[in-house]
Protein backbone atom coordinates (compact mmCIF):
# COMPACT_ATOMS: atom_id res chain seq x y z
CA MET A 1 0.00 0.00 0.00
CA SER A 2 1.35 3.42 -0.96
CA GLU A 3 2.02 6.17 1.56
CA GLY A 4 -0.73 8.24 -0.08
CA ALA A 5 -3.27 5.47 0.31
CA ARG A 6 -2.35 4.90 3.94
CA ALA A 7 -2.71 8.63 4.64
CA ARG A 8 -6.30 8.87 3.41
CA LEU A 9 -9.22 8.96 5.77
CA PRO A 10 -11.68 6.05 5.54
CA PHE A 11 -14.48 8.50 4.68
CA PRO A 12 -14.80 11.72 2.68
CA PRO A 13 -14.59 14.79 4.93
CA VAL A 14 -17.41 17.33 4.91
CA VAL A 15 -16.03 20.57 3.50
CA LEU A 16 -17.61 23.93 4.30
CA GLY A 17 -16.77 27.24 2.67
CA ILE A 18 -17.17 30.33 4.87
CA ALA A 19 -16.78 33.80 3.37
CA GLY A 20 -17.49 37.41 4.28
CA ALA A 21 -15.96 40.85 4.20
CA SER A 22 -13.06 41.88 6.40
CA GLY A 23 -14.47 42.34 9.91
CA SER A 24 -17.62 40.34 9.13
CA GLY A 25 -16.95 37.76 11.85
CA LYS A 26 -16.25 34.89 9.45
CA THR A 27 -13.00 33.85 11.17
CA THR A 28 -14.60 33.77 14.61
CA LEU A 29 -17.47 31.71 13.23
CA ALA A 30 -15.15 29.26 11.48
CA MET A 31 -13.02 28.81 14.59
CA GLU A 32 -16.06 28.19 16.77
CA LEU A 33 -17.51 25.70 14.30
CA ALA A 34 -14.16 23.91 14.13
CA ARG A 35 -14.18 23.65 17.92
CA GLU A 36 -17.78 22.45 18.01
CA LEU A 37 -17.29 19.89 15.24
CA GLU A 38 -13.73 18.95 16.20
CA GLY A 39 -12.84 19.86 12.64
CA LEU A 40 -10.04 21.62 10.78
CA HIS A 41 -10.10 25.41 10.43
CA PHE A 42 -8.39 26.09 7.09
CA PRO A 43 -7.92 29.83 6.44
CA LEU A 44 -6.91 31.12 3.02
CA ASP A 45 -4.28 33.55 4.33
CA ASN A 46 -1.34 31.15 3.98
CA TYR A 47 -1.89 31.09 0.22
CA TYR A 48 -0.95 34.70 -0.47
CA ARG A 49 1.56 34.81 -3.31
CA ASP A 50 5.27 35.01 -2.61
CA LEU A 51 6.42 38.56 -3.32
CA SER A 52 10.12 38.01 -2.65
CA HIS A 53 10.93 39.05 -6.24
CA LEU A 54 9.73 42.59 -5.48
CA PRO A 55 11.48 45.33 -3.47
CA MET A 56 10.09 45.68 0.04
CA GLU A 57 8.42 49.03 -0.65
CA GLU A 58 6.63 47.60 -3.67
CA ARG A 59 5.50 44.53 -1.72
CA ALA A 60 3.88 46.76 0.88
CA ARG A 61 1.97 48.62 -1.83
CA GLN A 62 0.23 45.51 -3.14
CA ASN A 63 -3.53 45.24 -2.63
CA PHE A 64 -3.97 42.23 -0.34
CA ASP A 65 -7.74 42.62 -0.58
CA HIS A 66 -7.68 41.58 -4.25
CA PRO A 67 -8.33 37.90 -5.10
CA ASP A 68 -5.37 37.79 -7.51
CA LEU A 69 -2.98 38.03 -4.56
CA ILE A 70 -4.02 34.52 -3.47
CA GLU A 71 -2.46 31.57 -5.31
CA SER A 72 -5.88 30.13 -6.00
CA GLU A 73 -4.58 27.22 -8.10
CA LEU A 74 -2.53 25.80 -5.25
CA LEU A 75 -5.30 26.55 -2.78
CA ALA A 76 -7.88 24.67 -4.84
CA ALA A 77 -5.53 21.71 -5.29
CA ASP A 78 -4.91 21.49 -1.54
CA VAL A 79 -8.61 21.78 -0.65
CA ALA A 80 -9.39 19.08 -3.24
CA ALA A 81 -6.81 16.82 -1.57
CA LEU A 82 -8.26 17.48 1.88
CA ALA A 83 -11.73 16.77 0.51
CA LYS A 84 -10.46 13.29 -0.37
CA GLY A 85 -9.00 12.83 3.10
CA ARG A 86 -5.40 13.33 2.02
CA PRO A 87 -2.89 15.47 3.96
CA VAL A 88 -1.36 18.55 2.34
CA GLU A 89 1.79 20.61 2.82
CA ARG A 90 0.44 24.08 3.50
CA PRO A 91 2.79 27.02 2.80
CA ARG A 92 4.08 29.20 5.58
CA TYR A 93 3.64 32.90 4.94
CA ASP A 94 5.52 35.71 6.65
CA PHE A 95 3.10 38.63 6.76
CA SER A 96 5.78 41.03 8.01
CA THR A 97 7.84 40.61 4.82
CA TYR A 98 5.12 39.41 2.39
CA ILE A 99 6.97 36.26 1.39
CA ARG A 100 6.59 32.51 1.60
CA ILE A 101 9.14 30.98 3.93
CA ALA A 102 11.32 28.97 1.57
CA GLY A 103 11.45 25.25 2.24
CA LYS A 104 9.01 25.48 5.16
CA THR A 105 5.51 24.00 5.12
CA ASP A 106 3.07 22.63 7.66
CA THR A 107 1.58 19.19 7.22
CA VAL A 108 -2.19 19.58 7.54
CA ARG A 109 -4.49 16.58 7.86
CA ALA A 110 -8.22 16.64 7.31
CA GLY A 111 -10.62 15.53 9.99
CA ALA A 112 -14.26 14.68 9.49
CA PHE A 113 -14.92 18.39 8.86
CA VAL A 114 -12.85 20.97 6.99
CA LEU A 115 -13.82 24.63 7.31
CA VAL A 116 -12.30 26.67 4.48
CA GLU A 117 -12.50 30.32 5.49
CA GLY A 118 -11.49 33.63 3.99
CA LEU A 119 -12.44 36.72 2.06
CA PHE A 120 -12.48 34.83 -1.21
CA ALA A 121 -13.68 31.40 -0.08
CA LEU A 122 -16.71 31.71 -2.37
CA CYS A 123 -14.99 33.64 -5.18
CA TYR A 124 -12.88 31.04 -6.95
CA PRO A 125 -14.86 28.75 -9.31
CA ALA A 126 -12.50 25.83 -8.67
CA LEU A 127 -13.36 25.82 -4.95
CA LEU A 128 -17.14 25.93 -5.19
CA PRO A 129 -17.74 22.28 -6.21
CA LEU A 130 -15.61 21.08 -3.28
CA TYR A 131 -18.00 22.40 -0.62
CA GLN A 132 -20.97 20.50 0.79
CA LEU A 133 -22.16 23.74 2.37
CA ARG A 134 -21.36 27.35 1.42
CA VAL A 135 -21.84 30.03 4.07
CA TYR A 136 -21.68 33.80 3.67
CA VAL A 137 -21.54 36.10 6.69
CA ASP A 138 -23.35 39.29 5.69
CA THR A 139 -22.32 42.15 7.96
CA PRO A 140 -23.05 45.88 7.53
CA ASP A 141 -20.07 47.82 6.28
CA GLU A 142 -20.05 50.16 9.28
CA LEU A 143 -19.76 47.24 11.70
CA CYS A 144 -17.04 45.63 9.59
CA PHE A 145 -15.02 48.83 9.75
CA ASP A 146 -15.52 49.25 13.50
CA ARG A 147 -14.30 45.70 14.13
CA ARG A 148 -11.29 46.12 11.85
CA LEU A 149 -10.41 49.45 13.43
CA LYS A 150 -10.49 47.93 16.92
CA ARG A 151 -8.42 44.90 15.84
CA ASP A 152 -5.76 46.84 13.94
CA MET A 153 -5.29 49.43 16.68
CA GLU A 154 -5.21 46.94 19.57
CA GLU A 155 -3.38 44.03 17.93
CA ARG A 156 -1.27 45.67 15.24
CA GLY A 157 -0.45 49.04 16.77
CA ARG A 158 -1.85 51.05 13.88
CA THR A 159 -3.33 54.53 14.05
CA ALA A 160 -6.99 55.17 13.39
CA GLU A 161 -6.07 57.38 10.44
CA SER A 162 -4.00 54.67 8.72
CA VAL A 163 -6.71 52.06 9.25
CA ARG A 164 -9.38 54.33 7.82
CA ARG A 165 -7.24 55.30 4.84
CA GLN A 166 -6.52 51.67 3.93
CA TYR A 167 -10.15 50.74 4.41
CA GLU A 168 -11.37 53.45 2.06
CA GLN A 169 -8.65 52.94 -0.56
CA THR A 170 -8.49 49.14 -0.86
CA VAL A 171 -10.57 47.17 1.64
CA ARG A 172 -14.03 48.60 0.93
CA PRO A 173 -13.65 48.78 -2.89
CA ALA A 174 -12.37 45.19 -3.10
CA SER A 175 -15.14 44.00 -0.80
CA GLU A 176 -17.81 45.64 -2.92
CA ARG A 177 -16.34 44.34 -6.16
CA TYR A 178 -15.35 40.78 -5.22
CA VAL A 179 -16.37 39.65 -1.74
CA ARG A 180 -19.97 40.79 -1.34
CA PRO A 181 -21.02 39.61 -4.84
CA SER A 182 -19.74 36.12 -3.94
CA ALA A 183 -22.70 35.80 -1.55
CA VAL A 184 -24.71 34.69 -4.58
CA HIS A 185 -22.90 31.33 -4.33
CA ALA A 186 -23.90 30.76 -0.68
CA ASP A 187 -26.36 28.11 0.46
CA LEU A 188 -26.75 29.93 3.76
CA ASN A 189 -26.52 33.68 4.38
CA LEU A 190 -26.01 34.69 8.01
CA ASP A 191 -26.53 38.02 9.73
CA GLY A 192 -23.03 38.97 10.83
CA ALA A 193 -24.43 41.30 13.50
CA ALA A 194 -26.23 38.42 15.24
CA ALA A 195 -24.87 36.59 18.29
CA LEU A 196 -22.16 34.02 17.61
CA ASP A 197 -24.12 31.21 19.27
CA TRP A 198 -27.07 31.88 16.99
CA LYS A 199 -24.90 31.86 13.87
CA VAL A 200 -23.28 28.58 14.92
CA GLU A 201 -26.68 27.01 15.55
CA GLN A 202 -27.93 28.11 12.14
CA VAL A 203 -24.99 26.42 10.43
CA LEU A 204 -25.36 23.25 12.49
CA ALA A 205 -29.09 23.15 11.81
CA GLU A 206 -28.48 23.43 8.07
CA MET A 207 -25.86 20.70 8.28
CA ARG A 208 -28.33 18.44 10.09
CA ARG A 209 -30.96 19.20 7.48
CA ARG A 210 -28.54 18.14 4.75
CA GLY A 211 -27.32 15.06 6.64
CA LEU A 212 -23.81 16.43 6.98
CA GLN A 213 -23.24 15.66 10.66
CA ARG A 214 -23.52 11.94 10.34
CA TRP A 215 -19.84 11.33 10.99
CA LYS A 216 -19.48 13.46 14.10
CA GLY A 217 -18.84 11.60 17.32
């Protein structure tokens, strides 16, 4: 028996796609669902393209809220492998220098549930057929900004002015052009302003309705 065959799970994992604008609450939802389901939280952020060929100043000027900055081909290939129960070597990304760490990956193994989460989780056509459930977290723009402002000032030491400038110049336009329209692909649209427990219950209820929790426990 090959190493690849031994590594596969004896059942196909249930794969969920969870998308929403920056500050929508999609990451918190995905992490809570992963905890509840004992599943794998699989964020898209590690798949940003390696920009080591560019000078540092030019790297920093790139629009990281644009879907072209994600290596969607590799992402889709890895999610397809996880959907078959196979492990993948996920890239390591250094967000301080905007590069992939050469020769360094993390071995990621699928559990019974894989929660693919990110701005563009419902944008790429190659990903959509891999999901058994597609979720979009629909949050008012004002609340998204308030959450991002709080996070960036408290966790990243940024000024309110710099956060607002970036939000107006790149985050909001990219969200309106790419992220929010991807909600059309969702099976379930959630109110991002609602309580986390209620959002989790809505997802679990839809999974039960579709027979997607049969492997849990």
